[in-house]
Amino acid sequence: MATWIWARVGQTESRDIPDSVRVVQDCLLKEFPDADLGAERGAFWGGRTKKAYGRWQRRLGFSGADADGIPGKHSLTELAKKHGIEIRGRFAEDSIEQISTDRIDFSGRGSWASGRAACEQHIRKALRIMGLPDRYWLPGLLTIASRESSYNAPGRQVNTTDSNARNVPELFGGRNAPDGFKGMCSRGMVQTVPQTFARYHAAGTSRKIYDPVSSAAAASNYIMARYKVARDGHDLAAKVRQANPRKSPGNF
């Protein structure tokens, strides 16, 4: 039976998948016999394992923030290939299922529950679909939902007053969107414009722009791509002002 690991290994401390962590650590020790993993060996993905994995990333040609000790599709695939290991599950890069803007479903506005408790449930579901940990992502996305839509409040699910609230020729032929509002209006729990929602639409979620689960998932993809936030979310508040409750609201 082939040895296998989950694609999401190393995205967090991965205490829930210690077997995958152990397999990767064993590979790293074969690559770098002098690596000192200490108490992390066979247990969890911590700072020492990240340091060793960063060495592997640099060996592949990564540098700077790209050699951060957090496995990505290319580096983990190369390590697995070299050591004859099978990878199961979905990589972060595979969570984006880009769609065209004309495939966005604009129905259902106001039909999803609002309020902080409801938004927490919406976000938790999105994070489960995305395979993202909630330690940093949940409070960060809740802060964004609070500031962008007052926790998905019925009167705040579409922004008709900011600079995005306009029609453009390349979107719906310059006409209003199917929901009757200007094409470029920001929409949904975390207020994405249609182009962003379509570009970063998450696999496994609906195409409904007002669906708070789809909204949170697409926003997570956007945040990781635009702001280079790590998949474990530890730097979310530092890199995205709107997700930081200790700072005043900012652009998102």
C-alpha atoms as a PDB file:
ATOM      1  CA  MET A   1       0.000   0.000   0.000  1.00  0.00           C
ATOM      2  CA  ALA A   2       1.403   3.365  -1.044  1.00  0.00           C
ATOM      3  CA  THR A   3       2.338   5.944   1.576  1.00  0.00           C
ATOM      4  CA  TRP A   4       0.172   9.035   1.232  1.00  0.00           C
ATOM      5  CA  ILE A   5      -0.279  12.502   2.704  1.00  0.00           C
ATOM      6  CA  TRP A   6      -3.016  15.133   2.653  1.00  0.00           C
ATOM      7  CA  ALA A   7      -2.465  18.097   0.330  1.00  0.00           C
ATOM      8  CA  ARG A   8      -3.237  20.460   3.212  1.00  0.00           C
ATOM      9  CA  VAL A   9      -0.383  19.196   5.381  1.00  0.00           C
ATOM     10  CA  GLY A  10       1.631  22.041   6.866  1.00  0.00           C
ATOM     11  CA  GLN A  11      -1.027  24.681   6.203  1.00  0.00           C
ATOM     12  CA  THR A  12      -1.541  24.873   9.959  1.00  0.00           C
ATOM     13  CA  GLU A  13       0.143  23.074  12.848  1.00  0.00           C
ATOM     14  CA  SER A  14      -1.767  20.079  11.431  1.00  0.00           C
ATOM     15  CA  ARG A  15      -2.285  18.385  14.758  1.00  0.00           C
ATOM     16  CA  ASP A  16      -5.344  16.712  13.227  1.00  0.00           C
ATOM     17  CA  ILE A  17      -3.254  14.911  10.577  1.00  0.00           C
ATOM     18  CA  PRO A  18      -0.062  13.903  12.432  1.00  0.00           C
ATOM     19  CA  ASP A  19       0.596  10.932  10.120  1.00  0.00           C
ATOM     20  CA  SER A  20       0.900  13.252   7.123  1.00  0.00           C
ATOM     21  CA  VAL A  21       3.111  15.592   9.127  1.00  0.00           C
ATOM     22  CA  ARG A  22       5.367  12.693  10.146  1.00  0.00           C
ATOM     23  CA  VAL A  23       5.760  11.476   6.563  1.00  0.00           C
ATOM     24  CA  VAL A  24       6.782  14.926   5.320  1.00  0.00           C
ATOM     25  CA  GLN A  25       9.116  15.402   8.268  1.00  0.00           C
ATOM     26  CA  ASP A  26      10.786  12.069   7.470  1.00  0.00           C
ATOM     27  CA  CYS A  27      11.294  13.253   3.886  1.00  0.00           C
ATOM     28  CA  LEU A  28      12.796  16.514   5.106  1.00  0.00           C
ATOM     29  CA  LEU A  29      15.200  14.676   7.373  1.00  0.00           C
ATOM     30  CA  LYS A  30      16.341  12.590   4.408  1.00  0.00           C
ATOM     31  CA  GLU A  31      16.969  15.816   2.516  1.00  0.00           C
ATOM     32  CA  PHE A  32      18.551  17.615   5.474  1.00  0.00           C
ATOM     33  CA  PRO A  33      19.954  15.165   8.043  1.00  0.00           C
ATOM     34  CA  ASP A  34      21.128  18.048  10.204  1.00  0.00           C
ATOM     35  CA  ALA A  35      17.608  19.468  10.599  1.00  0.00           C
ATOM     36  CA  ASP A  36      16.527  19.616  14.243  1.00  0.00           C
ATOM     37  CA  LEU A  37      12.774  19.105  14.523  1.00  0.00           C
ATOM     38  CA  GLY A  38      12.804  18.603  18.294  1.00  0.00           C
ATOM     39  CA  ALA A  39       9.447  17.788  19.875  1.00  0.00           C
ATOM     40  CA  GLU A  40       7.679  18.447  16.571  1.00  0.00           C
ATOM     41  CA  ARG A  41       9.031  15.174  15.109  1.00  0.00           C
ATOM     42  CA  GLY A  42       6.084  12.933  14.387  1.00  0.00           C
ATOM     43  CA  ALA A  43       3.692  15.240  16.217  1.00  0.00           C
ATOM     44  CA  PHE A  44       2.941  18.606  14.610  1.00  0.00           C
ATOM     45  CA  TRP A  45       4.062  21.227  12.090  1.00  0.00           C
ATOM     46  CA  GLY A  46       5.720  24.007  14.043  1.00  0.00           C
ATOM     47  CA  GLY A  47       8.497  26.529  13.617  1.00  0.00           C
ATOM     48  CA  ARG A  48      11.292  23.962  13.287  1.00  0.00           C
ATOM     49  CA  THR A  49       9.451  22.013  10.609  1.00  0.00           C
ATOM     50  CA  LYS A  50       8.674  25.234   8.756  1.00  0.00           C
ATOM     51  CA  LYS A  51      12.356  26.107   8.829  1.00  0.00           C
ATOM     52  CA  ALA A  52      13.296  22.724   7.362  1.00  0.00           C
ATOM     53  CA  TYR A  53      10.573  22.936   4.718  1.00  0.00           C
ATOM     54  CA  GLY A  54      11.765  26.440   3.849  1.00  0.00           C
ATOM     55  CA  ARG A  55      15.156  24.904   3.056  1.00  0.00           C
ATOM     56  CA  TRP A  56      13.405  22.512   0.675  1.00  0.00           C
ATOM     57  CA  GLN A  57      11.576  25.403  -0.981  1.00  0.00           C
ATOM     58  CA  ARG A  58      14.836  27.290  -1.440  1.00  0.00           C
ATOM     59  CA  ARG A  59      16.426  24.188  -2.955  1.00  0.00           C
ATOM     60  CA  LEU A  60      13.643  24.310  -5.561  1.00  0.00           C
ATOM     61  CA  GLY A  61      14.485  27.936  -6.317  1.00  0.00           C
ATOM     62  CA  PHE A  62      11.961  29.756  -4.122  1.00  0.00           C
ATOM     63  CA  SER A  63      13.142  32.777  -2.179  1.00  0.00           C
ATOM     64  CA  GLY A  64      11.887  35.437   0.215  1.00  0.00           C
ATOM     65  CA  ALA A  65       8.238  35.110   1.220  1.00  0.00           C
ATOM     66  CA  ASP A  66       7.806  32.221  -1.213  1.00  0.00           C
ATOM     67  CA  ALA A  67      10.102  30.099   0.962  1.00  0.00           C
ATOM     68  CA  ASP A  68       7.961  30.482   4.047  1.00  0.00           C
ATOM     69  CA  GLY A  69       7.931  26.847   5.166  1.00  0.00           C
ATOM     70  CA  ILE A  70       4.272  26.387   4.243  1.00  0.00           C
ATOM     71  CA  PRO A  71       3.739  23.722   1.560  1.00  0.00           C
ATOM     72  CA  GLY A  72       2.320  24.777  -1.767  1.00  0.00           C
ATOM     73  CA  LYS A  73       1.294  22.614  -4.671  1.00  0.00           C
ATOM     74  CA  HIS A  74       4.601  22.694  -6.523  1.00  0.00           C
ATOM     75  CA  SER A  75       6.956  22.183  -3.592  1.00  0.00           C
ATOM     76  CA  LEU A  76       4.898  19.425  -1.968  1.00  0.00           C
ATOM     77  CA  THR A  77       4.343  17.654  -5.287  1.00  0.00           C
ATOM     78  CA  GLU A  78       8.088  17.682  -5.965  1.00  0.00           C
ATOM     79  CA  LEU A  79       8.886  16.334  -2.500  1.00  0.00           C
ATOM     80  CA  ALA A  80       6.252  13.604  -2.820  1.00  0.00           C
ATOM     81  CA  LYS A  81       7.439  12.639  -6.290  1.00  0.00           C
ATOM     82  CA  LYS A  82      11.043  12.338  -5.151  1.00  0.00           C
ATOM     83  CA  HIS A  83      10.143  10.097  -2.212  1.00  0.00           C
ATOM     84  CA  GLY A  84       7.394   8.027  -3.853  1.00  0.00           C
ATOM     85  CA  ILE A  85       4.496   9.439  -1.843  1.00  0.00           C
ATOM     86  CA  GLU A  86       0.881   9.846  -2.979  1.00  0.00           C
ATOM     87  CA  ILE A  87      -0.943  13.120  -2.326  1.00  0.00           C
ATOM     88  CA  ARG A  88      -4.654  13.159  -1.559  1.00  0.00           C
ATOM     89  CA  GLY A  89      -7.081  16.058  -1.262  1.00  0.00           C
ATOM     90  CA  ARG A  90      -7.181  19.515  -2.796  1.00  0.00           C
ATOM     91  CA  PHE A  91      -4.429  22.117  -2.917  1.00  0.00           C
ATOM     92  CA  ALA A  92      -5.064  25.776  -2.217  1.00  0.00           C
ATOM     93  CA  GLU A  93      -4.491  26.536  -5.893  1.00  0.00           C
ATOM     94  CA  ASP A  94      -7.300  24.139  -6.770  1.00  0.00           C
ATOM     95  CA  SER A  95      -9.870  25.915  -4.598  1.00  0.00           C
ATOM     96  CA  ILE A  96     -10.449  28.593  -7.252  1.00  0.00           C
ATOM     97  CA  GLU A  97     -13.081  27.716  -9.834  1.00  0.00           C
ATOM     98  CA  GLN A  98     -13.150  30.811 -11.992  1.00  0.00           C
ATOM     99  CA  ILE A  99     -16.430  31.516 -13.752  1.00  0.00           C
ATOM    100  CA  SER A 100     -17.506  34.169 -16.232  1.00  0.00           C
ATOM    101  CA  THR A 101     -19.514  37.088 -14.887  1.00  0.00           C
ATOM    102  CA  ASP A 102     -22.517  36.086 -16.973  1.00  0.00           C
ATOM    103  CA  ARG A 103     -22.709  32.847 -14.968  1.00  0.00           C
ATOM    104  CA  ILE A 104     -23.156  34.660 -11.650  1.00  0.00           C
ATOM    105  CA  ASP A 105     -26.547  34.056 -10.048  1.00  0.00           C
ATOM    106  CA  PHE A 106     -27.932  37.329  -8.654  1.00  0.00           C
ATOM    107  CA  SER A 107     -31.004  35.814  -7.037  1.00  0.00           C
ATOM    108  CA  GLY A 108     -31.785  35.371  -3.357  1.00  0.00           C
ATOM    109  CA  ARG A 109     -30.804  38.753  -1.942  1.00  0.00           C
ATOM    110  CA  GLY A 110     -32.055  38.960   1.657  1.00  0.00           C
ATOM    111  CA  SER A 111     -32.926  35.267   1.926  1.00  0.00           C
ATOM    112  CA  TRP A 112     -29.904  34.271   4.024  1.00  0.00           C
ATOM    113  CA  ALA A 113     -29.787  34.840   7.765  1.00  0.00           C
ATOM    114  CA  SER A 114     -28.085  37.957   9.056  1.00  0.00           C
ATOM    115  CA  GLY A 115     -26.524  38.918  12.377  1.00  0.00           C
ATOM    116  CA  ARG A 116     -23.212  38.028  13.963  1.00  0.00           C
ATOM    117  CA  ALA A 117     -24.140  34.472  14.996  1.00  0.00           C
ATOM    118  CA  ALA A 118     -25.501  33.673  11.534  1.00  0.00           C
ATOM    119  CA  CYS A 119     -22.428  35.117   9.828  1.00  0.00           C
ATOM    120  CA  GLU A 120     -20.194  33.029  12.050  1.00  0.00           C
ATOM    121  CA  GLN A 121     -21.985  29.905  10.819  1.00  0.00           C
ATOM    122  CA  HIS A 122     -21.756  31.047   7.190  1.00  0.00           C
ATOM    123  CA  ILE A 123     -18.027  31.673   7.548  1.00  0.00           C
ATOM    124  CA  ARG A 124     -17.354  28.396   9.339  1.00  0.00           C
ATOM    125  CA  LYS A 125     -19.027  26.524   6.491  1.00  0.00           C
ATOM    126  CA  ALA A 126     -16.982  28.430   3.904  1.00  0.00           C
ATOM    127  CA  LEU A 127     -13.770  27.653   5.792  1.00  0.00           C
ATOM    128  CA  ARG A 128     -14.647  23.947   5.928  1.00  0.00           C
ATOM    129  CA  ILE A 129     -15.184  23.920   2.165  1.00  0.00           C
ATOM    130  CA  MET A 130     -11.910  25.771   1.626  1.00  0.00           C
ATOM    131  CA  GLY A 131      -9.967  23.655   4.094  1.00  0.00           C
ATOM    132  CA  LEU A 132      -8.893  26.784   5.977  1.00  0.00           C
ATOM    133  CA  PRO A 133      -8.428  26.898   9.774  1.00  0.00           C
ATOM    134  CA  ASP A 134     -10.731  29.180  11.728  1.00  0.00           C
ATOM    135  CA  ARG A 135      -8.224  30.456  14.324  1.00  0.00           C
ATOM    136  CA  TYR A 136      -7.406  33.621  12.359  1.00  0.00           C
ATOM    137  CA  TRP A 137      -9.776  33.425   9.398  1.00  0.00           C
ATOM    138  CA  LEU A 138     -12.971  33.359  11.439  1.00  0.00           C
ATOM    139  CA  PRO A 139     -12.348  36.543  13.459  1.00  0.00           C
ATOM    140  CA  GLY A 140     -10.854  38.258  10.418  1.00  0.00           C
ATOM    141  CA  LEU A 141     -13.767  37.506   8.098  1.00  0.00           C
ATOM    142  CA  LEU A 142     -16.269  38.337  10.852  1.00  0.00           C
ATOM    143  CA  THR A 143     -14.629  41.737  11.204  1.00  0.00           C
ATOM    144  CA  ILE A 144     -14.888  42.269   7.444  1.00  0.00           C
ATOM    145  CA  ALA A 145     -18.546  41.161   7.458  1.00  0.00           C
ATOM    146  CA  SER A 146     -19.271  43.587  10.287  1.00  0.00           C
ATOM    147  CA  ARG A 147     -17.694  46.519   8.481  1.00  0.00           C
ATOM    148  CA  GLU A 148     -18.815  45.738   4.947  1.00  0.00           C
ATOM    149  CA  SER A 149     -22.429  44.650   5.477  1.00  0.00           C
ATOM    150  CA  SER A 150     -23.222  44.997   9.194  1.00  0.00           C
ATOM    151  CA  TYR A 151     -23.207  41.191   9.400  1.00  0.00           C
ATOM    152  CA  ASN A 152     -25.180  40.668   6.172  1.00  0.00           C
ATOM    153  CA  ALA A 153     -27.924  43.106   7.164  1.00  0.00           C
ATOM    154  CA  PRO A 154     -30.748  43.240   4.581  1.00  0.00           C
ATOM    155  CA  GLY A 155     -30.155  46.910   3.830  1.00  0.00           C
ATOM    156  CA  ARG A 156     -26.396  46.495   3.424  1.00  0.00           C
ATOM    157  CA  GLN A 157     -26.132  43.598   0.992  1.00  0.00           C
ATOM    158  CA  VAL A 158     -25.560  45.831  -2.014  1.00  0.00           C
ATOM    159  CA  ASN A 159     -23.610  49.100  -2.001  1.00  0.00           C
ATOM    160  CA  THR A 160     -25.180  51.666  -4.310  1.00  0.00           C
ATOM    161  CA  THR A 161     -23.188  54.692  -3.150  1.00  0.00           C
ATOM    162  CA  ASP A 162     -19.440  54.004  -3.436  1.00  0.00           C
ATOM    163  CA  SER A 163     -17.226  54.432  -6.498  1.00  0.00           C
ATOM    164  CA  ASN A 164     -17.957  50.904  -7.718  1.00  0.00           C
ATOM    165  CA  ALA A 165     -21.659  51.643  -8.120  1.00  0.00           C
ATOM    166  CA  ARG A 166     -21.631  52.169 -11.869  1.00  0.00           C
ATOM    167  CA  ASN A 167     -22.137  50.375 -15.144  1.00  0.00           C
ATOM    168  CA  VAL A 168     -19.213  49.554 -17.432  1.00  0.00           C
ATOM    169  CA  PRO A 169     -19.342  48.395 -21.071  1.00  0.00           C
ATOM    170  CA  GLU A 170     -17.563  45.108 -20.399  1.00  0.00           C
ATOM    171  CA  LEU A 171     -20.060  44.038 -17.750  1.00  0.00           C
ATOM    172  CA  PHE A 172     -23.641  43.133 -18.756  1.00  0.00           C
ATOM    173  CA  GLY A 173     -23.273  45.225 -21.894  1.00  0.00           C
ATOM    174  CA  GLY A 174     -23.126  48.411 -19.845  1.00  0.00           C
ATOM    175  CA  ARG A 175     -26.565  47.775 -18.356  1.00  0.00           C
ATOM    176  CA  ASN A 176     -27.676  47.018 -14.818  1.00  0.00           C
ATOM    177  CA  ALA A 177     -27.058  43.519 -13.477  1.00  0.00           C
ATOM    178  CA  PRO A 178     -29.942  40.998 -13.322  1.00  0.00           C
ATOM    179  CA  ASP A 179     -30.784  42.129  -9.773  1.00  0.00           C
ATOM    180  CA  GLY A 180     -31.570  45.626 -11.063  1.00  0.00           C
ATOM    181  CA  PHE A 181     -28.555  47.368  -9.521  1.00  0.00           C
ATOM    182  CA  LYS A 182     -25.557  48.878 -11.278  1.00  0.00           C
ATOM    183  CA  GLY A 183     -23.291  46.181 -12.633  1.00  0.00           C
ATOM    184  CA  MET A 184     -20.200  47.057 -10.615  1.00  0.00           C
ATOM    185  CA  CYS A 185     -21.925  47.407  -7.231  1.00  0.00           C
ATOM    186  CA  SER A 186     -20.269  45.530  -4.372  1.00  0.00           C
ATOM    187  CA  ARG A 187     -22.563  42.770  -3.126  1.00  0.00           C
ATOM    188  CA  GLY A 188     -22.957  40.123  -0.465  1.00  0.00           C
ATOM    189  CA  MET A 189     -21.806  39.582   3.089  1.00  0.00           C
ATOM    190  CA  VAL A 190     -18.253  40.748   2.449  1.00  0.00           C
ATOM    191  CA  GLN A 191     -19.065  43.014  -0.504  1.00  0.00           C
ATOM    192  CA  THR A 192     -17.296  41.755  -3.624  1.00  0.00           C
ATOM    193  CA  VAL A 193     -17.818  43.244  -7.069  1.00  0.00           C
ATOM    194  CA  PRO A 194     -18.978  40.733  -9.715  1.00  0.00           C
ATOM    195  CA  GLN A 195     -15.577  40.551 -11.408  1.00  0.00           C
ATOM    196  CA  THR A 196     -13.851  39.617  -8.146  1.00  0.00           C
ATOM    197  CA  PHE A 197     -16.535  37.106  -7.195  1.00  0.00           C
ATOM    198  CA  ALA A 198     -16.247  35.430 -10.615  1.00  0.00           C
ATOM    199  CA  ARG A 199     -12.434  35.446 -10.720  1.00  0.00           C
ATOM    200  CA  TYR A 200     -12.081  33.957  -7.226  1.00  0.00           C
ATOM    201  CA  HIS A 201     -15.237  31.843  -7.066  1.00  0.00           C
ATOM    202  CA  ALA A 202     -14.540  28.850  -4.839  1.00  0.00           C
ATOM    203  CA  ALA A 203     -15.057  25.281  -5.962  1.00  0.00           C
ATOM    204  CA  GLY A 204     -17.828  23.614  -3.994  1.00  0.00           C
ATOM    205  CA  THR A 205     -19.857  26.800  -3.455  1.00  0.00           C
ATOM    206  CA  SER A 206     -22.880  28.197  -5.270  1.00  0.00           C
ATOM    207  CA  ARG A 207     -22.661  30.817  -8.025  1.00  0.00           C
ATOM    208  CA  LYS A 208     -24.980  33.091  -6.026  1.00  0.00           C
ATOM    209  CA  ILE A 209     -23.156  36.323  -5.240  1.00  0.00           C
ATOM    210  CA  TYR A 210     -25.492  37.007  -2.283  1.00  0.00           C
ATOM    211  CA  ASP A 211     -24.875  33.556  -0.770  1.00  0.00           C
ATOM    212  CA  PRO A 212     -22.764  34.389   2.313  1.00  0.00           C
ATOM    213  CA  VAL A 213     -20.893  31.083   2.136  1.00  0.00           C
ATOM    214  CA  SER A 214     -19.909  31.732  -1.484  1.00  0.00           C
ATOM    215  CA  SER A 215     -19.105  35.332  -0.599  1.00  0.00           C
ATOM    216  CA  ALA A 216     -16.765  34.372   2.251  1.00  0.00           C
ATOM    217  CA  ALA A 217     -15.064  31.646   0.214  1.00  0.00           C
ATOM    218  CA  ALA A 218     -14.451  33.868  -2.810  1.00  0.00           C
ATOM    219  CA  ALA A 219     -13.182  36.640  -0.541  1.00  0.00           C
ATOM    220  CA  SER A 220     -10.742  34.201   1.086  1.00  0.00           C
ATOM    221  CA  ASN A 221      -9.337  33.250  -2.320  1.00  0.00           C
ATOM    222  CA  TYR A 222      -9.064  36.918  -3.231  1.00  0.00           C
ATOM    223  CA  ILE A 223      -7.327  37.813   0.038  1.00  0.00           C
ATOM    224  CA  MET A 224      -4.749  35.046  -0.351  1.00  0.00           C
ATOM    225  CA  ALA A 225      -4.040  36.042  -3.956  1.00  0.00           C
ATOM    226  CA  ARG A 226      -4.166  39.847  -3.629  1.00  0.00           C
ATOM    227  CA  TYR A 227      -2.567  40.325  -0.209  1.00  0.00           C
ATOM    228  CA  LYS A 228      -0.418  37.176  -0.091  1.00  0.00           C
ATOM    229  CA  VAL A 229      -2.010  36.079   3.171  1.00  0.00           C
ATOM    230  CA  ALA A 230      -0.854  32.640   4.289  1.00  0.00           C
ATOM    231  CA  ARG A 231      -3.331  29.774   4.169  1.00  0.00           C
ATOM    232  CA  ASP A 232      -3.199  29.417   7.935  1.00  0.00           C
ATOM    233  CA  GLY A 233      -4.271  33.084   8.157  1.00  0.00           C
ATOM    234  CA  HIS A 234      -1.726  34.067  10.819  1.00  0.00           C
ATOM    235  CA  ASP A 235      -0.901  37.292   8.930  1.00  0.00           C
ATOM    236  CA  LEU A 236      -4.473  38.173   7.907  1.00  0.00           C
ATOM    237  CA  ALA A 237      -4.952  41.026  10.392  1.00  0.00           C
ATOM    238  CA  ALA A 238      -1.481  42.397   9.649  1.00  0.00           C
ATOM    239  CA  LYS A 239      -1.948  42.461   5.874  1.00  0.00           C
ATOM    240  CA  VAL A 240      -5.645  43.312   5.557  1.00  0.00           C
ATOM    241  CA  ARG A 241      -6.632  46.366   7.594  1.00  0.00           C
ATOM    242  CA  GLN A 242     -10.338  45.705   7.150  1.00  0.00           C
ATOM    243  CA  ALA A 243      -9.875  42.339   8.904  1.00  0.00           C
ATOM    244  CA  ASN A 244      -8.125  43.857  11.911  1.00  0.00           C
ATOM    245  CA  PRO A 245     -10.547  44.879  14.694  1.00  0.00           C
ATOM    246  CA  ARG A 246      -7.766  46.796  16.453  1.00  0.00           C
ATOM    247  CA  LYS A 247      -7.422  49.208  13.534  1.00  0.00           C
ATOM    248  CA  SER A 248      -9.890  51.610  11.987  1.00  0.00           C
ATOM    249  CA  PRO A 249     -11.710  50.387   8.864  1.00  0.00           C
ATOM    250  CA  GLY A 250      -9.826  50.590   5.583  1.00  0.00           C
ATOM    251  CA  ASN A 251     -10.045  49.563   1.968  1.00  0.00           C
ATOM    252  CA  PHE A 252     -10.713  45.948   1.078  1.00  0.00           C
END
